[in-house]
Amino acid sequence: MNKKWAAKRITINLASAESEKLEKYCASTGRPATDVIRELIRSLPITEFSASEQTTPTLKYDVPILK
């Protein structure tokens, strides 16, 4: 495995429809699912709160929907 990407590995559970949508998108664009998911994660806007507003780290984001 390329050390550049060896920092963290995750497993996600998708509904059948979500999995099919991802597979179709990847097939139509010629891109691997890993790249598509990584790009979607990078596009998530992150809002940081002051320490007085939270006790645990919280991320606020909107998930883009593939069509």
PDB file of N, CA and C in Angstrom:
ATOM      1  N   MET A   1       0.848  -1.193   0.000  1.00  0.00           N
ATOM      2  CA  MET A   1       0.000   0.000   0.000  1.00  0.00           C
ATOM      3  C   MET A   1       0.886   1.247   0.000  1.00  0.00           C
ATOM      4  N   ASN A   2       0.504   2.239  -0.751  1.00  0.00           N
ATOM      5  CA  ASN A   2       1.212   3.505  -0.807  1.00  0.00           C
ATOM      6  C   ASN A   2       1.160   4.181   0.557  1.00  0.00           C
ATOM      7  N   LYS A   3       2.323   4.536   1.125  1.00  0.00           N
ATOM      8  CA  LYS A   3       2.358   5.143   2.461  1.00  0.00           C
ATOM      9  C   LYS A   3       1.601   6.466   2.519  1.00  0.00           C
ATOM     10  N   LYS A   4       1.485   7.143   1.398  1.00  0.00           N
ATOM     11  CA  LYS A   4       0.765   8.411   1.364  1.00  0.00           C
ATOM     12  C   LYS A   4      -0.668   8.244   1.873  1.00  0.00           C
ATOM     13  N   TRP A   5      -1.307   7.106   1.612  1.00  0.00           N
ATOM     14  CA  TRP A   5      -2.702   6.878   1.986  1.00  0.00           C
ATOM     15  C   TRP A   5      -2.854   5.908   3.149  1.00  0.00           C
ATOM     16  N   ALA A   6      -1.780   5.513   3.803  1.00  0.00           N
ATOM     17  CA  ALA A   6      -1.839   4.497   4.836  1.00  0.00           C
ATOM     18  C   ALA A   6      -2.239   5.047   6.209  1.00  0.00           C
ATOM     19  N   ALA A   7      -2.621   6.305   6.301  1.00  0.00           N
ATOM     20  CA  ALA A   7      -2.915   6.919   7.592  1.00  0.00           C
ATOM     21  C   ALA A   7      -4.133   6.322   8.280  1.00  0.00           C
ATOM     22  N   LYS A   8      -5.208   6.070   7.558  1.00  0.00           N
ATOM     23  CA  LYS A   8      -6.449   5.588   8.173  1.00  0.00           C
ATOM     24  C   LYS A   8      -7.263   4.825   7.147  1.00  0.00           C
ATOM     25  N   ARG A   9      -7.789   3.683   7.542  1.00  0.00           N
ATOM     26  CA  ARG A   9      -8.661   2.897   6.675  1.00  0.00           C
ATOM     27  C   ARG A   9     -10.030   2.838   7.350  1.00  0.00           C
ATOM     28  N   ILE A  10     -11.092   3.068   6.581  1.00  0.00           N
ATOM     29  CA  ILE A  10     -12.444   3.004   7.136  1.00  0.00           C
ATOM     30  C   ILE A  10     -13.294   2.050   6.314  1.00  0.00           C
ATOM     31  N   THR A  11     -14.333   1.563   6.949  1.00  0.00           N
ATOM     32  CA  THR A  11     -15.332   0.731   6.274  1.00  0.00           C
ATOM     33  C   THR A  11     -16.663   1.456   6.387  1.00  0.00           C
ATOM     34  N   ILE A  12     -17.396   1.543   5.281  1.00  0.00           N
ATOM     35  CA  ILE A  12     -18.707   2.185   5.325  1.00  0.00           C
ATOM     36  C   ILE A  12     -19.776   1.181   4.919  1.00  0.00           C
ATOM     37  N   ASN A  13     -20.946   1.338   5.477  1.00  0.00           N
ATOM     38  CA  ASN A  13     -22.092   0.501   5.130  1.00  0.00           C
ATOM     39  C   ASN A  13     -23.037   1.333   4.275  1.00  0.00           C
ATOM     40  N   LEU A  14     -23.368   0.830   3.110  1.00  0.00           N
ATOM     41  CA  LEU A  14     -24.260   1.519   2.194  1.00  0.00           C
ATOM     42  C   LEU A  14     -25.496   0.669   1.936  1.00  0.00           C
ATOM     43  N   ALA A  15     -26.607   1.338   1.767  1.00  0.00           N
ATOM     44  CA  ALA A  15     -27.822   0.649   1.315  1.00  0.00           C
ATOM     45  C   ALA A  15     -27.589   0.215  -0.130  1.00  0.00           C
ATOM     46  N   SER A  16     -28.353  -0.749  -0.583  1.00  0.00           N
ATOM     47  CA  SER A  16     -28.197  -1.253  -1.951  1.00  0.00           C
ATOM     48  C   SER A  16     -28.290  -0.135  -2.982  1.00  0.00           C
ATOM     49  N   ALA A  17     -29.248   0.762  -2.799  1.00  0.00           N
ATOM     50  CA  ALA A  17     -29.425   1.861  -3.756  1.00  0.00           C
ATOM     51  C   ALA A  17     -28.215   2.794  -3.752  1.00  0.00           C
ATOM     52  N   GLU A  18     -27.662   3.039  -2.589  1.00  0.00           N
ATOM     53  CA  GLU A  18     -26.475   3.907  -2.493  1.00  0.00           C
ATOM     54  C   GLU A  18     -25.275   3.246  -3.164  1.00  0.00           C
ATOM     55  N   SER A  19     -25.109   1.961  -2.918  1.00  0.00           N
ATOM     56  CA  SER A  19     -24.006   1.219  -3.523  1.00  0.00           C
ATOM     57  C   SER A  19     -24.131   1.209  -5.047  1.00  0.00           C
ATOM     58  N   GLU A  20     -25.333   0.976  -5.537  1.00  0.00           N
ATOM     59  CA  GLU A  20     -25.572   0.967  -6.985  1.00  0.00           C
ATOM     60  C   GLU A  20     -25.290   2.340  -7.589  1.00  0.00           C
ATOM     61  N   LYS A  21     -25.714   3.391  -6.889  1.00  0.00           N
ATOM     62  CA  LYS A  21     -25.484   4.751  -7.390  1.00  0.00           C
ATOM     63  C   LYS A  21     -23.991   5.041  -7.472  1.00  0.00           C
ATOM     64  N   LEU A  22     -23.248   4.641  -6.444  1.00  0.00           N
ATOM     65  CA  LEU A  22     -21.793   4.837  -6.443  1.00  0.00           C
ATOM     66  C   LEU A  22     -21.142   4.042  -7.568  1.00  0.00           C
ATOM     67  N   GLU A  23     -21.534   2.787  -7.730  1.00  0.00           N
ATOM     68  CA  GLU A  23     -20.974   1.947  -8.794  1.00  0.00           C
ATOM     69  C   GLU A  23     -21.260   2.526 -10.179  1.00  0.00           C
ATOM     70  N   LYS A  24     -22.475   2.996 -10.404  1.00  0.00           N
ATOM     71  CA  LYS A  24     -22.835   3.587 -11.701  1.00  0.00           C
ATOM     72  C   LYS A  24     -22.044   4.865 -11.957  1.00  0.00           C
ATOM     73  N   TYR A  25     -21.898   5.685 -10.918  1.00  0.00           N
ATOM     74  CA  TYR A  25     -21.133   6.929 -11.065  1.00  0.00           C
ATOM     75  C   TYR A  25     -19.685   6.608 -11.418  1.00  0.00           C
ATOM     76  N   CYS A  26     -19.102   5.651 -10.700  1.00  0.00           N
ATOM     77  CA  CYS A  26     -17.711   5.274 -10.953  1.00  0.00           C
ATOM     78  C   CYS A  26     -17.539   4.710 -12.357  1.00  0.00           C
ATOM     79  N   ALA A  27     -18.484   3.889 -12.789  1.00  0.00           N
ATOM     80  CA  ALA A  27     -18.416   3.317 -14.139  1.00  0.00           C
ATOM     81  C   ALA A  27     -18.521   4.401 -15.206  1.00  0.00           C
ATOM     82  N   SER A  28     -19.399   5.373 -14.974  1.00  0.00           N
ATOM     83  CA  SER A  28     -19.596   6.419 -15.990  1.00  0.00           C
ATOM     84  C   SER A  28     -18.443   7.415 -16.042  1.00  0.00           C
ATOM     85  N   THR A  29     -17.741   7.592 -14.924  1.00  0.00           N
ATOM     86  CA  THR A  29     -16.636   8.552 -14.895  1.00  0.00           C
ATOM     87  C   THR A  29     -15.278   7.884 -15.040  1.00  0.00           C
ATOM     88  N   GLY A  30     -15.243   6.541 -14.872  1.00  0.00           N
ATOM     89  CA  GLY A  30     -13.980   5.828 -14.952  1.00  0.00           C
ATOM     90  C   GLY A  30     -13.098   6.027 -13.725  1.00  0.00           C
ATOM     91  N   ARG A  31     -13.687   6.497 -12.642  1.00  0.00           N
ATOM     92  CA  ARG A  31     -12.918   6.757 -11.421  1.00  0.00           C
ATOM     93  C   ARG A  31     -13.209   5.684 -10.377  1.00  0.00           C
ATOM     94  N   PRO A  32     -12.200   5.320  -9.579  1.00  0.00           N
ATOM     95  CA  PRO A  32     -12.439   4.346  -8.517  1.00  0.00           C
ATOM     96  C   PRO A  32     -13.259   4.953  -7.380  1.00  0.00           C
ATOM     97  N   ALA A  33     -14.030   4.099  -6.695  1.00  0.00           N
ATOM     98  CA  ALA A  33     -14.875   4.561  -5.595  1.00  0.00           C
ATOM     99  C   ALA A  33     -14.068   5.277  -4.522  1.00  0.00           C
ATOM    100  N   THR A  34     -12.867   4.802  -4.237  1.00  0.00           N
ATOM    101  CA  THR A  34     -12.017   5.443  -3.223  1.00  0.00           C
ATOM    102  C   THR A  34     -11.786   6.907  -3.557  1.00  0.00           C
ATOM    103  N   ASP A  35     -11.474   7.200  -4.819  1.00  0.00           N
ATOM    104  CA  ASP A  35     -11.228   8.587  -5.221  1.00  0.00           C
ATOM    105  C   ASP A  35     -12.490   9.438  -5.109  1.00  0.00           C
ATOM    106  N   VAL A  36     -13.624   8.874  -5.504  1.00  0.00           N
ATOM    107  CA  VAL A  36     -14.891   9.608  -5.441  1.00  0.00           C
ATOM    108  C   VAL A  36     -15.236   9.933  -3.991  1.00  0.00           C
ATOM    109  N   ILE A  37     -15.140   8.951  -3.120  1.00  0.00           N
ATOM    110  CA  ILE A  37     -15.463   9.160  -1.702  1.00  0.00           C
ATOM    111  C   ILE A  37     -14.498  10.148  -1.072  1.00  0.00           C
ATOM    112  N   ARG A  38     -13.206  10.014  -1.378  1.00  0.00           N
ATOM    113  CA  ARG A  38     -12.204  10.936  -0.836  1.00  0.00           C
ATOM    114  C   ARG A  38     -12.510  12.375  -1.276  1.00  0.00           C
ATOM    115  N   GLU A  39     -12.880  12.566  -2.540  1.00  0.00           N
ATOM    116  CA  GLU A  39     -13.210  13.904  -3.039  1.00  0.00           C
ATOM    117  C   GLU A  39     -14.440  14.477  -2.319  1.00  0.00           C
ATOM    118  N   LEU A  40     -15.448  13.631  -2.108  1.00  0.00           N
ATOM    119  CA  LEU A  40     -16.648  14.089  -1.398  1.00  0.00           C
ATOM    120  C   LEU A  40     -16.312  14.505   0.034  1.00  0.00           C
ATOM    121  N   ILE A  41     -15.464  13.732   0.700  1.00  0.00           N
ATOM    122  CA  ILE A  41     -15.067  14.085   2.066  1.00  0.00           C
ATOM    123  C   ILE A  41     -14.313  15.399   2.079  1.00  0.00           C
ATOM    124  N   ARG A  42     -13.406  15.580   1.140  1.00  0.00           N
ATOM    125  CA  ARG A  42     -12.638  16.836   1.082  1.00  0.00           C
ATOM    126  C   ARG A  42     -13.527  18.041   0.809  1.00  0.00           C
ATOM    127  N   SER A  43     -14.660  17.835   0.143  1.00  0.00           N
ATOM    128  CA  SER A  43     -15.539  18.958  -0.195  1.00  0.00           C
ATOM    129  C   SER A  43     -16.464  19.357   0.954  1.00  0.00           C
ATOM    130  N   LEU A  44     -16.467  18.600   2.053  1.00  0.00           N
ATOM    131  CA  LEU A  44     -17.351  18.907   3.174  1.00  0.00           C
ATOM    132  C   LEU A  44     -16.899  20.173   3.897  1.00  0.00           C
ATOM    133  N   PRO A  45     -17.796  21.158   4.026  1.00  0.00           N
ATOM    134  CA  PRO A  45     -17.430  22.352   4.791  1.00  0.00           C
ATOM    135  C   PRO A  45     -17.423  22.014   6.278  1.00  0.00           C
ATOM    136  N   ILE A  46     -16.438  22.522   6.989  1.00  0.00           N
ATOM    137  CA  ILE A  46     -16.324  22.247   8.424  1.00  0.00           C
ATOM    138  C   ILE A  46     -16.505  23.556   9.176  1.00  0.00           C
ATOM    139  N   THR A  47     -17.397  23.528  10.163  1.00  0.00           N
ATOM    140  CA  THR A  47     -17.617  24.679  11.027  1.00  0.00           C
ATOM    141  C   THR A  47     -17.059  24.336  12.399  1.00  0.00           C
ATOM    142  N   GLU A  48     -16.122  25.146  12.879  1.00  0.00           N
ATOM    143  CA  GLU A  48     -15.539  24.910  14.192  1.00  0.00           C
ATOM    144  C   GLU A  48     -16.218  25.793  15.218  1.00  0.00           C
ATOM    145  N   PHE A  49     -16.434  25.246  16.421  1.00  0.00           N
ATOM    146  CA  PHE A  49     -17.066  25.965  17.509  1.00  0.00           C
ATOM    147  C   PHE A  49     -16.037  26.256  18.584  1.00  0.00           C
ATOM    148  N   SER A  50     -16.264  27.301  19.373  1.00  0.00           N
ATOM    149  CA  SER A  50     -15.361  27.594  20.478  1.00  0.00           C
ATOM    150  C   SER A  50     -15.516  26.527  21.553  1.00  0.00           C
ATOM    151  N   ALA A  51     -14.536  26.412  22.435  1.00  0.00           N
ATOM    152  CA  ALA A  51     -14.558  25.393  23.491  1.00  0.00           C
ATOM    153  C   ALA A  51     -15.776  25.549  24.391  1.00  0.00           C
ATOM    154  N   SER A  52     -16.269  26.771  24.579  1.00  0.00           N
ATOM    155  CA  SER A  52     -17.427  26.984  25.445  1.00  0.00           C
ATOM    156  C   SER A  52     -18.723  26.487  24.818  1.00  0.00           C
ATOM    157  N   GLU A  53     -18.730  26.279  23.497  1.00  0.00           N
ATOM    158  CA  GLU A  53     -19.931  25.837  22.796  1.00  0.00           C
ATOM    159  C   GLU A  53     -20.040  24.320  22.686  1.00  0.00           C
ATOM    160  N   GLN A  54     -18.979  23.600  23.011  1.00  0.00           N
ATOM    161  CA  GLN A  54     -19.016  22.158  22.870  1.00  0.00           C
ATOM    162  C   GLN A  54     -18.108  21.483  23.882  1.00  0.00           C
ATOM    163  N   THR A  55     -18.416  20.228  24.168  1.00  0.00           N
ATOM    164  CA  THR A  55     -17.568  19.450  25.063  1.00  0.00           C
ATOM    165  C   THR A  55     -16.798  18.385  24.301  1.00  0.00           C
ATOM    166  N   THR A  56     -17.292  18.005  23.113  1.00  0.00           N
ATOM    167  CA  THR A  56     -16.581  17.065  22.255  1.00  0.00           C
ATOM    168  C   THR A  56     -16.502  17.663  20.858  1.00  0.00           C
ATOM    169  N   PRO A  57     -15.486  17.295  20.084  1.00  0.00           N
ATOM    170  CA  PRO A  57     -15.365  17.835  18.729  1.00  0.00           C
ATOM    171  C   PRO A  57     -16.607  17.519  17.891  1.00  0.00           C
ATOM    172  N   THR A  58     -17.084  18.522  17.167  1.00  0.00           N
ATOM    173  CA  THR A  58     -18.263  18.360  16.331  1.00  0.00           C
ATOM    174  C   THR A  58     -17.974  18.928  14.952  1.00  0.00           C
ATOM    175  N   LEU A  59     -18.381  18.207  13.931  1.00  0.00           N
ATOM    176  CA  LEU A  59     -18.269  18.685  12.555  1.00  0.00           C
ATOM    177  C   LEU A  59     -19.663  18.926  12.028  1.00  0.00           C
ATOM    178  N   LYS A  60     -19.859  20.050  11.378  1.00  0.00           N
ATOM    179  CA  LYS A  60     -21.136  20.356  10.752  1.00  0.00           C
ATOM    180  C   LYS A  60     -20.901  20.353   9.252  1.00  0.00           C
ATOM    181  N   TYR A  61     -21.712  19.581   8.522  1.00  0.00           N
ATOM    182  CA  TYR A  61     -21.491  19.493   7.095  1.00  0.00           C
ATOM    183  C   TYR A  61     -22.776  19.142   6.360  1.00  0.00           C
ATOM    184  N   ASP A  62     -22.773  19.460   5.084  1.00  0.00           N
ATOM    185  CA  ASP A  62     -23.838  19.065   4.174  1.00  0.00           C
ATOM    186  C   ASP A  62     -23.223  18.068   3.189  1.00  0.00           C
ATOM    187  N   VAL A  63     -23.875  16.967   2.983  1.00  0.00           N
ATOM    188  CA  VAL A  63     -23.355  15.928   2.088  1.00  0.00           C
ATOM    189  C   VAL A  63     -23.925  16.141   0.689  1.00  0.00           C
ATOM    190  N   PRO A  64     -23.037  16.346  -0.305  1.00  0.00           N
ATOM    191  CA  PRO A  64     -23.540  16.477  -1.673  1.00  0.00           C
ATOM    192  C   PRO A  64     -24.149  15.160  -2.147  1.00  0.00           C
ATOM    193  N   ILE A  65     -25.168  15.222  -2.962  1.00  0.00           N
ATOM    194  CA  ILE A  65     -25.831  14.022  -3.463  1.00  0.00           C
ATOM    195  C   ILE A  65     -25.440  13.799  -4.912  1.00  0.00           C
ATOM    196  N   LEU A  66     -24.995  12.584  -5.212  1.00  0.00           N
ATOM    197  CA  LEU A  66     -24.646  12.238  -6.593  1.00  0.00           C
ATOM    198  C   LEU A  66     -25.919  11.968  -7.360  1.00  0.00           C
ATOM    199  N   LYS A  67     -26.003  12.486  -8.558  1.00  0.00           N
ATOM    200  CA  LYS A  67     -27.191  12.240  -9.394  1.00  0.00           C
ATOM    201  C   LYS A  67     -26.781  11.512 -10.633  1.00  0.00           C
TER     202      LYS A  67
END
